[in-house]
Amino acid sequence: MLTKHSRVAIRELVHEDKILLVKWLSDPEVLQYYEGRDRPLDLAQVEEGFYGEADGETRCLILYDEEPIGFVQFYPVGDKERFIYGYADTLEILYGMDQFIGEPAYWNKGIGTQLVEMIVTYLLHEKNADRIVMDPQVWNERAIRCYEKCGFKKVKLLPKHEWHEGEYRDCWLIEYVRK
């Protein structure tokens, strides 16, 4: 177990988790928020995208009362993203993260907030992160509210930043800064 808090835990992905990822990443209800409904993933795509070369990424399963309910990954932000985001200080330890709850029955129950708080705490204490960033699409107000509850602040609009359902969408660069 990588980390646990109350009823929420995360652990690193294992090969058998690919079936859950295929289930979640082919569900239109989930895809409307992650990847897009026009891009369902099959087994080969999950194996390539989630089990291929990691480039420093840590990929994990989210558990609630030991039941798998979603996915989270975190990673050191690379030079290309640092440039796009406008972070010039290469000595600063900068992490990115993204996540989704793949079981809609667990949405709107505060689990996302617990999860984000857990990952932030883990990255600050175990990875010594100075700053943690995400780039949610501007229309995803529910996710943005969750991140703001956890201490993230909007810092920069990223116009036409992410391809989603047939068009480039604007995103917010949001950050959590070590206090």
C-alpha atoms as a PDB file:
ATOM      1  CA  MET A   1       0.000   0.000   0.000  1.00  0.00           C
ATOM      2  CA  LEU A   2       1.482   3.332  -1.051  1.00  0.00           C
ATOM      3  CA  THR A   3      -0.665   5.423   1.287  1.00  0.00           C
ATOM      4  CA  LYS A   4      -3.949   5.141   3.200  1.00  0.00           C
ATOM      5  CA  HIS A   5      -6.257   7.609   4.904  1.00  0.00           C
ATOM      6  CA  SER A   6      -9.520   6.647   6.562  1.00  0.00           C
ATOM      7  CA  ARG A   7     -11.388   4.486   4.009  1.00  0.00           C
ATOM      8  CA  VAL A   8      -9.358   5.610   0.966  1.00  0.00           C
ATOM      9  CA  ALA A   9      -6.102   3.926  -0.025  1.00  0.00           C
ATOM     10  CA  ILE A  10      -3.870   3.864  -3.066  1.00  0.00           C
ATOM     11  CA  ARG A  11      -1.521   1.189  -4.268  1.00  0.00           C
ATOM     12  CA  GLU A  12       0.633   0.898  -7.353  1.00  0.00           C
ATOM     13  CA  LEU A  13      -0.968  -0.686 -10.421  1.00  0.00           C
ATOM     14  CA  VAL A  14      -0.503  -4.385 -10.996  1.00  0.00           C
ATOM     15  CA  HIS A  15      -1.000  -6.186 -14.285  1.00  0.00           C
ATOM     16  CA  GLU A  16      -4.436  -7.536 -13.285  1.00  0.00           C
ATOM     17  CA  ASP A  17      -5.764  -3.964 -12.882  1.00  0.00           C
ATOM     18  CA  LYS A  18      -5.818  -3.514 -16.651  1.00  0.00           C
ATOM     19  CA  ILE A  19      -9.305  -5.072 -16.820  1.00  0.00           C
ATOM     20  CA  LEU A  20     -10.659  -2.375 -14.471  1.00  0.00           C
ATOM     21  CA  LEU A  21      -8.956   0.364 -16.473  1.00  0.00           C
ATOM     22  CA  VAL A  22     -10.522  -0.931 -19.695  1.00  0.00           C
ATOM     23  CA  LYS A  23     -13.935  -0.984 -17.999  1.00  0.00           C
ATOM     24  CA  TRP A  24     -13.597   2.594 -16.734  1.00  0.00           C
ATOM     25  CA  LEU A  25     -11.929   4.006 -19.841  1.00  0.00           C
ATOM     26  CA  SER A  26     -14.615   2.648 -22.129  1.00  0.00           C
ATOM     27  CA  ASP A  27     -17.502   3.980 -20.003  1.00  0.00           C
ATOM     28  CA  PRO A  28     -18.991   7.133 -21.628  1.00  0.00           C
ATOM     29  CA  GLU A  29     -19.985   8.497 -18.211  1.00  0.00           C
ATOM     30  CA  VAL A  30     -16.353   8.411 -17.059  1.00  0.00           C
ATOM     31  CA  LEU A  31     -14.908   9.432 -20.427  1.00  0.00           C
ATOM     32  CA  GLN A  32     -16.864  12.683 -20.511  1.00  0.00           C
ATOM     33  CA  TYR A  33     -14.431  13.873 -17.808  1.00  0.00           C
ATOM     34  CA  TYR A  34     -11.296  11.868 -18.681  1.00  0.00           C
ATOM     35  CA  GLU A  35     -10.022  11.371 -22.243  1.00  0.00           C
ATOM     36  CA  GLY A  36     -13.375  12.102 -23.959  1.00  0.00           C
ATOM     37  CA  ARG A  37     -16.319   9.952 -25.000  1.00  0.00           C
ATOM     38  CA  ASP A  38     -14.926   9.773 -28.536  1.00  0.00           C
ATOM     39  CA  ARG A  39     -11.763   8.014 -27.279  1.00  0.00           C
ATOM     40  CA  PRO A  40     -12.722   4.808 -25.446  1.00  0.00           C
ATOM     41  CA  LEU A  41      -9.706   2.645 -24.714  1.00  0.00           C
ATOM     42  CA  ASP A  42      -9.400  -1.067 -25.388  1.00  0.00           C
ATOM     43  CA  LEU A  43      -7.063  -3.562 -23.749  1.00  0.00           C
ATOM     44  CA  ALA A  44      -4.131  -2.883 -26.097  1.00  0.00           C
ATOM     45  CA  GLN A  45      -4.412   0.887 -25.570  1.00  0.00           C
ATOM     46  CA  VAL A  46      -4.570   0.473 -21.785  1.00  0.00           C
ATOM     47  CA  GLU A  47      -1.534  -1.808 -21.819  1.00  0.00           C
ATOM     48  CA  GLU A  48       0.424   0.703 -23.918  1.00  0.00           C
ATOM     49  CA  GLY A  49      -0.719   3.858 -22.122  1.00  0.00           C
ATOM     50  CA  PHE A  50      -0.762   2.668 -18.531  1.00  0.00           C
ATOM     51  CA  TYR A  51       1.815  -0.120 -18.462  1.00  0.00           C
ATOM     52  CA  GLY A  52       4.343   1.128 -21.001  1.00  0.00           C
ATOM     53  CA  GLU A  53       7.343   3.369 -20.426  1.00  0.00           C
ATOM     54  CA  ALA A  54       6.560   5.442 -17.321  1.00  0.00           C
ATOM     55  CA  ASP A  55       9.104   8.313 -17.542  1.00  0.00           C
ATOM     56  CA  GLY A  56       9.041   8.753 -13.766  1.00  0.00           C
ATOM     57  CA  GLU A  57       5.270   8.304 -13.419  1.00  0.00           C
ATOM     58  CA  THR A  58       3.824   6.428 -10.476  1.00  0.00           C
ATOM     59  CA  ARG A  59       0.513   4.881 -11.532  1.00  0.00           C
ATOM     60  CA  CYS A  60      -1.883   3.735  -8.835  1.00  0.00           C
ATOM     61  CA  LEU A  61      -5.280   2.252  -8.182  1.00  0.00           C
ATOM     62  CA  ILE A  62      -7.635   4.063  -5.817  1.00  0.00           C
ATOM     63  CA  LEU A  63      -9.381   1.839  -3.272  1.00  0.00           C
ATOM     64  CA  TYR A  64     -12.369   2.706  -1.105  1.00  0.00           C
ATOM     65  CA  ASP A  65     -13.034   0.201   1.678  1.00  0.00           C
ATOM     66  CA  GLU A  66     -10.608  -2.024  -0.269  1.00  0.00           C
ATOM     67  CA  GLU A  67     -12.796  -1.896  -3.416  1.00  0.00           C
ATOM     68  CA  PRO A  68     -11.089  -0.541  -6.562  1.00  0.00           C
ATOM     69  CA  ILE A  69     -12.831   2.649  -7.678  1.00  0.00           C
ATOM     70  CA  GLY A  70     -10.361   4.665  -9.759  1.00  0.00           C
ATOM     71  CA  PHE A  71      -6.928   5.666 -10.924  1.00  0.00           C
ATOM     72  CA  VAL A  72      -4.336   8.281  -9.938  1.00  0.00           C
ATOM     73  CA  GLN A  73      -0.879   9.033 -11.276  1.00  0.00           C
ATOM     74  CA  PHE A  74       1.811  11.497 -10.276  1.00  0.00           C
ATOM     75  CA  TYR A  75       5.109  12.380 -11.882  1.00  0.00           C
ATOM     76  CA  PRO A  76       7.968  14.877 -11.894  1.00  0.00           C
ATOM     77  CA  VAL A  77       7.043  17.604 -14.396  1.00  0.00           C
ATOM     78  CA  GLY A  78       9.388  17.509 -17.383  1.00  0.00           C
ATOM     79  CA  ASP A  79      11.140  20.357 -19.163  1.00  0.00           C
ATOM     80  CA  LYS A  80       8.541  20.669 -21.948  1.00  0.00           C
ATOM     81  CA  GLU A  81       5.656  21.050 -19.478  1.00  0.00           C
ATOM     82  CA  ARG A  82       7.697  23.401 -17.276  1.00  0.00           C
ATOM     83  CA  PHE A  83       8.148  25.636 -20.313  1.00  0.00           C
ATOM     84  CA  ILE A  84       4.467  25.501 -21.311  1.00  0.00           C
ATOM     85  CA  TYR A  85       3.400  26.233 -17.742  1.00  0.00           C
ATOM     86  CA  GLY A  86       5.986  28.996 -17.285  1.00  0.00           C
ATOM     87  CA  TYR A  87       8.139  27.457 -14.539  1.00  0.00           C
ATOM     88  CA  ALA A  88      11.741  28.526 -15.104  1.00  0.00           C
ATOM     89  CA  ASP A  89      13.291  27.426 -11.798  1.00  0.00           C
ATOM     90  CA  THR A  90      14.718  24.018 -12.685  1.00  0.00           C
ATOM     91  CA  LEU A  91      15.861  23.458  -9.087  1.00  0.00           C
ATOM     92  CA  GLU A  92      12.287  23.527  -7.811  1.00  0.00           C
ATOM     93  CA  ILE A  93      10.810  20.053  -7.271  1.00  0.00           C
ATOM     94  CA  LEU A  94       7.646  20.165  -9.352  1.00  0.00           C
ATOM     95  CA  TYR A  95       5.135  17.303  -9.548  1.00  0.00           C
ATOM     96  CA  GLY A  96       2.033  16.846 -11.661  1.00  0.00           C
ATOM     97  CA  MET A  97      -0.893  14.589 -10.941  1.00  0.00           C
ATOM     98  CA  ASP A  98      -4.116  13.437 -12.522  1.00  0.00           C
ATOM     99  CA  GLN A  99      -6.834  11.117 -11.427  1.00  0.00           C
ATOM    100  CA  PHE A 100     -10.352   9.897 -11.971  1.00  0.00           C
ATOM    101  CA  ILE A 101     -12.930   7.933 -10.031  1.00  0.00           C
ATOM    102  CA  GLY A 102     -14.041   5.255 -12.466  1.00  0.00           C
ATOM    103  CA  GLU A 103     -17.080   4.109 -10.508  1.00  0.00           C
ATOM    104  CA  PRO A 104     -19.763   6.832 -10.837  1.00  0.00           C
ATOM    105  CA  ALA A 105     -21.571   5.488  -7.739  1.00  0.00           C
ATOM    106  CA  TYR A 106     -18.648   6.955  -5.742  1.00  0.00           C
ATOM    107  CA  TRP A 107     -18.893  10.462  -7.233  1.00  0.00           C
ATOM    108  CA  ASN A 108     -20.016  13.412  -5.098  1.00  0.00           C
ATOM    109  CA  LYS A 109     -19.168  11.718  -1.794  1.00  0.00           C
ATOM    110  CA  GLY A 110     -15.991  13.638  -0.884  1.00  0.00           C
ATOM    111  CA  ILE A 111     -13.716  10.764  -1.908  1.00  0.00           C
ATOM    112  CA  GLY A 112     -11.926  12.875  -4.540  1.00  0.00           C
ATOM    113  CA  THR A 113     -11.095  15.484  -1.904  1.00  0.00           C
ATOM    114  CA  GLN A 114      -9.680  12.814   0.426  1.00  0.00           C
ATOM    115  CA  LEU A 115      -7.679  11.353  -2.432  1.00  0.00           C
ATOM    116  CA  VAL A 116      -6.173  14.669  -3.552  1.00  0.00           C
ATOM    117  CA  GLU A 117      -5.285  15.588   0.041  1.00  0.00           C
ATOM    118  CA  MET A 118      -3.576  12.189   0.452  1.00  0.00           C
ATOM    119  CA  ILE A 119      -1.523  12.585  -2.717  1.00  0.00           C
ATOM    120  CA  VAL A 120      -0.541  16.161  -1.865  1.00  0.00           C
ATOM    121  CA  THR A 121       0.613  15.047   1.599  1.00  0.00           C
ATOM    122  CA  TYR A 122       2.513  12.124   0.087  1.00  0.00           C
ATOM    123  CA  LEU A 123       4.240  14.309  -2.530  1.00  0.00           C
ATOM    124  CA  LEU A 124       5.190  16.966   0.021  1.00  0.00           C
ATOM    125  CA  HIS A 125       6.569  14.527   2.602  1.00  0.00           C
ATOM    126  CA  GLU A 126       7.851  11.571   0.574  1.00  0.00           C
ATOM    127  CA  LYS A 127       8.936  13.286  -2.660  1.00  0.00           C
ATOM    128  CA  ASN A 128       9.800  16.672  -1.132  1.00  0.00           C
ATOM    129  CA  ALA A 129       7.716  18.502  -3.763  1.00  0.00           C
ATOM    130  CA  ASP A 130       7.890  22.295  -3.696  1.00  0.00           C
ATOM    131  CA  ARG A 131       4.887  22.674  -5.983  1.00  0.00           C
ATOM    132  CA  ILE A 132       2.182  20.352  -7.357  1.00  0.00           C
ATOM    133  CA  VAL A 133       0.313  21.183 -10.557  1.00  0.00           C
ATOM    134  CA  MET A 134      -2.721  20.008 -12.513  1.00  0.00           C
ATOM    135  CA  ASP A 135      -4.433  21.318 -15.641  1.00  0.00           C
ATOM    136  CA  PRO A 136      -8.184  20.583 -15.502  1.00  0.00           C
ATOM    137  CA  GLN A 137     -10.419  21.763 -18.320  1.00  0.00           C
ATOM    138  CA  VAL A 138     -12.170  25.025 -17.400  1.00  0.00           C
ATOM    139  CA  TRP A 139     -15.663  23.546 -17.803  1.00  0.00           C
ATOM    140  CA  ASN A 140     -14.982  20.807 -15.216  1.00  0.00           C
ATOM    141  CA  GLU A 141     -16.178  22.907 -12.300  1.00  0.00           C
ATOM    142  CA  ARG A 142     -16.799  19.968  -9.953  1.00  0.00           C
ATOM    143  CA  ALA A 143     -13.165  18.850 -10.205  1.00  0.00           C
ATOM    144  CA  ILE A 144     -11.872  22.417  -9.862  1.00  0.00           C
ATOM    145  CA  ARG A 145     -13.949  22.943  -6.679  1.00  0.00           C
ATOM    146  CA  CYS A 146     -12.473  19.737  -5.265  1.00  0.00           C
ATOM    147  CA  TYR A 147      -8.917  20.880  -6.033  1.00  0.00           C
ATOM    148  CA  GLU A 148      -9.531  24.329  -4.571  1.00  0.00           C
ATOM    149  CA  LYS A 149     -10.867  22.739  -1.356  1.00  0.00           C
ATOM    150  CA  CYS A 150      -7.515  20.955  -1.159  1.00  0.00           C
ATOM    151  CA  GLY A 151      -5.529  24.206  -1.427  1.00  0.00           C
ATOM    152  CA  PHE A 152      -4.875  24.458  -5.171  1.00  0.00           C
ATOM    153  CA  LYS A 153      -5.089  27.908  -6.768  1.00  0.00           C
ATOM    154  CA  LYS A 154      -5.742  28.885 -10.377  1.00  0.00           C
ATOM    155  CA  VAL A 155      -2.608  30.533 -11.725  1.00  0.00           C
ATOM    156  CA  LYS A 156      -2.854  30.614 -15.498  1.00  0.00           C
ATOM    157  CA  LEU A 157      -5.371  30.014 -18.277  1.00  0.00           C
ATOM    158  CA  LEU A 158      -4.020  27.573 -20.865  1.00  0.00           C
ATOM    159  CA  PRO A 159      -6.005  28.328 -24.067  1.00  0.00           C
ATOM    160  CA  LYS A 160      -6.774  25.380 -26.334  1.00  0.00           C
ATOM    161  CA  HIS A 161      -4.510  23.197 -24.218  1.00  0.00           C
ATOM    162  CA  GLU A 162      -6.130  19.750 -24.375  1.00  0.00           C
ATOM    163  CA  TRP A 163      -7.873  17.797 -27.123  1.00  0.00           C
ATOM    164  CA  HIS A 164     -11.252  16.611 -25.827  1.00  0.00           C
ATOM    165  CA  GLU A 165     -14.226  15.334 -27.808  1.00  0.00           C
ATOM    166  CA  GLY A 166     -13.259  16.795 -31.157  1.00  0.00           C
ATOM    167  CA  GLU A 167     -11.813  20.153 -30.161  1.00  0.00           C
ATOM    168  CA  TYR A 168      -9.025  21.787 -28.215  1.00  0.00           C
ATOM    169  CA  ARG A 169     -10.313  22.906 -24.818  1.00  0.00           C
ATOM    170  CA  ASP A 170      -9.087  25.597 -22.464  1.00  0.00           C
ATOM    171  CA  CYS A 171      -7.591  24.420 -19.190  1.00  0.00           C
ATOM    172  CA  TRP A 172      -6.585  26.049 -15.939  1.00  0.00           C
ATOM    173  CA  LEU A 173      -3.092  25.607 -14.645  1.00  0.00           C
ATOM    174  CA  ILE A 174      -3.647  25.130 -10.937  1.00  0.00           C
ATOM    175  CA  GLU A 175      -0.973  24.700  -8.310  1.00  0.00           C
ATOM    176  CA  TYR A 176      -0.418  23.773  -4.710  1.00  0.00           C
ATOM    177  CA  VAL A 177       2.630  25.479  -3.242  1.00  0.00           C
ATOM    178  CA  ARG A 178       4.490  24.145  -0.212  1.00  0.00           C
ATOM    179  CA  LYS A 179       3.817  26.501   2.683  1.00  0.00           C
END
